[in-house]
Protein backbone atom coordinates (compact mmCIF):
# COMPACT_ATOMS: atom_id res chain seq x y z
CA UNK A 1 0.03 0.35 -0.50
CA UNK A 2 0.81 3.59 -1.32
CA UNK A 3 -0.53 6.49 0.65
CA UNK A 4 -0.61 9.35 -1.84
CA UNK A 5 -2.33 12.17 -0.29
CA UNK A 6 -3.41 12.05 3.67
CA UNK A 7 -5.55 15.34 5.60
CA UNK A 8 -7.29 14.91 8.56
CA UNK A 9 -10.22 14.11 6.56
CA UNK A 10 -8.86 12.30 3.31
CA UNK A 11 -6.29 9.80 2.30
CA UNK A 12 -5.79 8.49 -0.75
CA UNK A 13 -3.52 5.43 -1.71
CA UNK A 14 -2.36 3.65 -4.54
CA UNK A 15 -4.17 0.65 -4.99
CA UNK A 16 -2.06 -2.66 -7.13
CA UNK A 17 -3.60 -5.05 -9.03
CA UNK A 18 -4.95 -7.75 -7.43
CA UNK A 19 -5.90 -5.66 -4.09
CA UNK A 20 -9.87 -5.20 -3.77
CA UNK A 21 -11.04 -2.43 -1.81
CA UNK A 22 -13.68 -3.68 0.88
CA UNK A 23 -14.25 -6.86 2.35
CA UNK A 24 -15.77 -9.60 -0.19
CA UNK A 25 -16.59 -12.98 0.05
CA UNK A 26 -13.54 -13.87 -1.31
CA UNK A 27 -12.45 -13.24 2.69
CA UNK A 28 -9.44 -11.39 1.19
CA UNK A 29 -7.97 -8.71 3.61
CA UNK A 30 -9.14 -5.25 1.78
CA UNK A 31 -6.85 -2.28 1.60
CA UNK A 32 -10.01 -0.43 3.66
CA UNK A 33 -8.05 -2.29 6.58
CA UNK A 34 -4.60 -2.12 5.30
CA UNK A 35 -5.32 1.77 5.58
CA UNK A 36 -6.82 1.71 8.52
CA UNK A 37 -4.23 -0.10 10.62
CA UNK A 38 -1.02 2.35 8.86
CA UNK A 39 -3.71 5.18 10.46
CA UNK A 40 -3.87 3.44 13.44
CA UNK A 41 -0.09 3.22 13.43
CA UNK A 42 1.24 6.12 12.51
CA UNK A 43 -1.42 8.73 14.73
CA UNK A 44 -2.21 6.22 17.47
CA UNK A 45 -5.38 6.38 17.44
CA UNK A 46 -7.43 3.94 20.79
CA UNK A 47 -10.03 2.29 19.73
CA UNK A 48 -11.82 1.36 16.51
CA UNK A 49 -10.49 3.81 13.25
CA UNK A 50 -13.17 5.43 10.99
CA UNK A 51 -12.42 4.80 7.44
CA UNK A 52 -15.13 5.70 4.54
CA UNK A 53 -15.60 3.79 1.54
CA UNK A 54 -15.77 6.63 -1.26
CA UNK A 55 -15.36 4.75 -4.38
CA UNK A 56 -13.98 1.31 -5.58
CA UNK A 57 -11.57 -0.22 -8.69
CA UNK A 58 -12.30 -3.77 -9.92
CA UNK A 59 -10.11 -6.27 -8.49
CA UNK A 60 -7.65 -6.24 -12.36
CA UNK A 61 -7.45 -2.45 -11.94
CA UNK A 62 -4.53 -0.33 -10.55
CA UNK A 63 -3.89 3.09 -9.40
CA UNK A 64 -6.07 5.86 -6.86
CA UNK A 65 -8.42 4.94 -4.10
CA UNK A 66 -9.75 8.00 -2.55
CA UNK A 67 -10.80 6.93 1.26
CA UNK A 68 -12.65 9.65 3.75
CA UNK A 69 -11.47 9.95 7.23
CA UNK A 70 -14.77 11.88 8.94
CA UNK A 71 -18.05 11.20 8.74
CA UNK A 72 -18.64 14.74 7.29
CA UNK A 73 -15.58 14.21 4.00
CA UNK A 74 -17.65 10.93 3.68
CA UNK A 75 -21.13 12.26 3.11
CA UNK A 76 -19.92 15.63 1.47
CA UNK A 77 -17.45 13.29 -1.11
CA UNK A 78 -20.70 10.43 -1.60
CA UNK A 79 -22.06 14.28 -2.92
CA UNK A 80 -19.95 14.72 -4.71
CA UNK A 81 -19.26 11.35 -6.12
CA UNK A 82 -23.26 11.08 -7.59
CA UNK A 83 -23.58 14.37 -9.06
CA UNK A 84 -20.25 14.28 -10.90
CA UNK A 85 -17.90 16.69 -9.24
CA UNK A 86 -15.19 13.93 -8.71
CA UNK A 87 -13.00 14.07 -12.23
CA UNK A 88 -11.26 10.52 -12.34
CA UNK A 89 -8.44 9.77 -15.29
CA UNK A 90 -7.96 6.29 -16.50
CA UNK A 91 -4.71 5.40 -18.53
CA UNK A 92 -5.20 2.02 -20.16
CA UNK A 93 -2.66 0.14 -22.12
CA UNK A 94 -5.02 -1.60 -25.10
CA UNK A 95 -4.60 -3.25 -28.70
CA UNK A 96 -6.14 -2.53 -31.42
CA UNK A 97 -6.49 1.16 -33.63
CA UNK A 98 -8.70 3.64 -33.06
CA UNK A 99 -11.75 3.63 -35.95
CA UNK A 100 -10.38 7.30 -37.04
CA UNK A 101 -6.29 5.44 -37.08
CA UNK A 102 -7.78 2.58 -39.14
CA UNK A 103 -9.87 4.92 -41.19
CA UNK A 104 -6.53 6.32 -42.07
CA UNK A 105 -4.64 3.92 -43.07
CA UNK A 106 -1.76 4.73 -40.33
CA UNK A 107 -0.93 4.18 -36.72
CA UNK A 108 -1.56 6.32 -34.44
CA UNK A 109 0.82 8.28 -32.06
CA UNK A 110 -2.09 10.58 -30.30
CA UNK A 111 -5.16 11.09 -31.55
CA UNK A 112 -7.72 13.83 -30.70
CA UNK A 113 -10.56 13.70 -27.44
CA UNK A 114 -13.12 10.97 -29.32
CA UNK A 115 -16.57 10.47 -27.38
CA UNK A 116 -18.21 6.87 -27.12
CA UNK A 117 -21.80 6.13 -25.69
CA UNK A 118 -23.13 2.83 -25.85
CA UNK A 119 -26.06 1.14 -23.79
CA UNK A 120 -24.86 -1.41 -21.35
CA UNK A 121 -26.39 -4.58 -19.52
CA UNK A 122 -24.61 -6.37 -16.51
CA UNK A 123 -24.58 -9.51 -16.53
CA UNK A 124 -24.37 -10.26 -12.03
CA UNK A 125 -23.70 -13.99 -12.95
CA UNK A 126 -21.09 -13.98 -15.17
CA UNK A 127 -19.69 -10.03 -13.32
CA UNK A 128 -19.82 -8.75 -17.00
CA UNK A 129 -20.97 -6.03 -18.40
CA UNK A 130 -22.63 -5.85 -22.43
CA UNK A 131 -22.25 -2.58 -24.65
CA UNK A 132 -25.28 -2.11 -27.02
CA UNK A 133 -24.87 0.90 -29.78
CA UNK A 134 -28.91 1.94 -29.12
CA UNK A 135 -31.11 2.04 -25.66
CA UNK A 136 -31.79 -1.90 -24.98
CA UNK A 137 -34.24 -3.36 -22.15
CA UNK A 138 -32.17 -2.55 -18.83
CA UNK A 139 -29.63 -0.92 -20.39
CA UNK A 140 -27.73 2.30 -18.90
CA UNK A 141 -26.49 5.10 -20.68
CA UNK A 142 -22.64 5.21 -20.73
CA UNK A 143 -20.44 7.62 -21.60
CA UNK A 144 -16.98 8.56 -21.96
CA UNK A 145 -13.71 10.40 -23.86
CA UNK A 146 -10.28 8.56 -24.96
CA UNK A 147 -7.30 9.80 -26.71
CA UNK A 148 -4.38 7.64 -27.97
CA UNK A 149 -1.51 9.38 -26.27
CA UNK A 150 1.42 7.00 -26.76
CA UNK A 151 1.96 4.38 -29.05
CA UNK A 152 4.57 1.83 -29.64
CA UNK A 153 5.19 -1.20 -31.74
CA UNK A 154 1.84 -3.32 -30.71
CA UNK A 155 -0.04 -1.27 -28.01
CA UNK A 156 -1.72 2.38 -27.94
CA UNK A 157 -1.85 4.31 -24.62
CA UNK A 158 -5.03 5.63 -24.31
CA UNK A 159 -6.22 8.78 -21.33
CA UNK A 160 -9.70 8.13 -20.95
CA UNK A 161 -11.91 10.92 -18.85
CA UNK A 162 -15.37 8.89 -17.44
CA UNK A 163 -18.80 11.01 -17.63
CA UNK A 164 -21.04 8.51 -16.31
CA UNK A 165 -20.54 5.27 -13.40
CA UNK A 166 -21.08 1.52 -14.74
CA UNK A 167 -19.85 -1.22 -14.39
CA UNK A 168 -16.82 -2.49 -15.59
CA UNK A 169 -17.66 0.81 -18.43
CA UNK A 170 -14.11 1.05 -19.41
CA UNK A 171 -13.29 -1.91 -20.08
CA UNK A 172 -16.37 -3.13 -21.90
CA UNK A 173 -16.81 0.22 -24.26
CA UNK A 174 -13.14 -0.14 -25.16
CA UNK A 175 -13.15 -3.90 -25.93
CA UNK A 176 -16.77 -2.65 -28.12
CA UNK A 177 -14.72 -0.26 -30.23
CA UNK A 178 -11.58 -3.13 -30.70
CA UNK A 179 -9.76 -1.75 -28.11
CA UNK A 180 -9.80 -4.17 -25.72
CA UNK A 181 -7.15 -3.48 -22.73
CA UNK A 182 -3.84 -5.73 -22.43
CA UNK A 183 -4.97 -8.66 -20.18
CA UNK A 184 -8.05 -8.51 -20.19
CA UNK A 185 -9.23 -11.60 -20.71
CA UNK A 186 -12.58 -11.04 -19.69
CA UNK A 187 -13.25 -8.61 -22.84
CA UNK A 188 -11.41 -9.82 -25.61
CA UNK A 189 -7.63 -9.88 -24.76
CA UNK A 190 -5.73 -13.25 -26.70
CA UNK A 191 -3.67 -13.59 -23.67
CA UNK A 192 -3.49 -12.16 -19.87
CA UNK A 193 -0.35 -10.09 -18.03
CA UNK A 194 1.61 -12.63 -15.92
CA UNK A 195 0.80 -11.16 -12.73
CA UNK A 196 -2.65 -11.72 -13.22
CA UNK A 197 -3.44 -7.55 -13.47
CA UNK A 198 -5.55 -5.84 -16.29
CA UNK A 199 -3.28 -3.25 -18.04
CA UNK A 200 -5.91 -0.40 -16.24
CA UNK A 201 -5.07 2.74 -14.38
CA UNK A 202 -6.63 5.32 -12.30
CA UNK A 203 -4.11 8.01 -12.79
CA UNK A 204 -5.08 11.41 -11.77
CA UNK A 205 -8.00 12.58 -9.21
CA UNK A 206 -9.09 16.66 -9.11
CA UNK A 207 -11.65 17.87 -6.87
CA UNK A 208 -12.67 20.43 -4.59
CA UNK A 209 -11.42 19.54 -1.25
CA UNK A 210 -15.16 19.23 1.00
CA UNK A 211 -14.01 20.54 3.56
CA UNK A 212 -11.00 23.05 2.73
CA UNK A 213 -12.58 24.04 -0.67
CA UNK A 214 -9.45 23.93 -2.01
CA UNK A 215 -8.46 22.48 -5.37
CA UNK A 216 -6.85 19.18 -4.93
CA UNK A 217 -5.28 17.59 -7.45
CA UNK A 218 -3.37 13.81 -7.19
CA UNK A 219 -1.13 11.49 -9.91
CA UNK A 220 -0.50 7.71 -9.40
CA UNK A 221 2.61 6.97 -10.31
CA UNK A 222 2.62 4.50 -13.06
CA UNK A 223 3.04 0.91 -12.09
CA UNK A 224 6.69 -0.74 -11.80
CA UNK A 225 6.54 -2.73 -15.25
CA UNK A 226 8.66 -2.04 -18.38
CA UNK A 227 5.66 -1.31 -20.96
CA UNK A 228 4.14 0.94 -18.69
CA UNK A 229 7.34 3.17 -17.71
CA UNK A 230 8.15 2.63 -21.56
CA UNK A 231 5.04 5.43 -21.75
CA UNK A 232 6.70 8.18 -19.94
CA UNK A 233 5.36 10.86 -21.46
CA UNK A 234 3.89 14.79 -20.74
CA UNK A 235 -0.03 14.47 -19.69
CA UNK A 236 -0.29 17.69 -21.60
CA UNK A 237 1.02 16.91 -24.31
């Protein structure tokens, strides 16, 4: 567990692939318990430590997770997430080409922002979502923006901004346009990553602090992996 930011009301940590944010039926020790232990030891807190889970990341995904250290911060962050006031940026390593590059017949090293809209349905038994181009029964509208910001011989680095929050949204929508995330067998990747991860990173989170009202912008480090490290580029290019 790596702490990226902390104050009296919030703590932001960098989750590793394979960790679960909150306890589930597996019985594996969740990240939330690790953060509680960290707070208890660092600040010598007696008794139980309060920690509110503000949002989650899928188990094979890495990157930033925001927790609340007070009930006031938890209530306000929950509202901010619900109302779209917290902006999350993801990076994904994908195979395939974006549509505009395929149409030009050229390899894309950097493209403009593109907006994707699908209607997603969720299969609980499979723990998987399915994307439809048009509105479908029991489907929820899913919208994201993406652009290619880097390219290697076999893969593209894609930056994604979520405009809605749906189950497996990034994984499902990118796969639907022929760009599955590296290692994501569930959504069409040809092979798994050696460590069981998928190459999706919660890269940046931006919001107004729920108590101090200061602008907060936090960026996660890239995973310690040769392919990820090869994509060391400036995000504002």
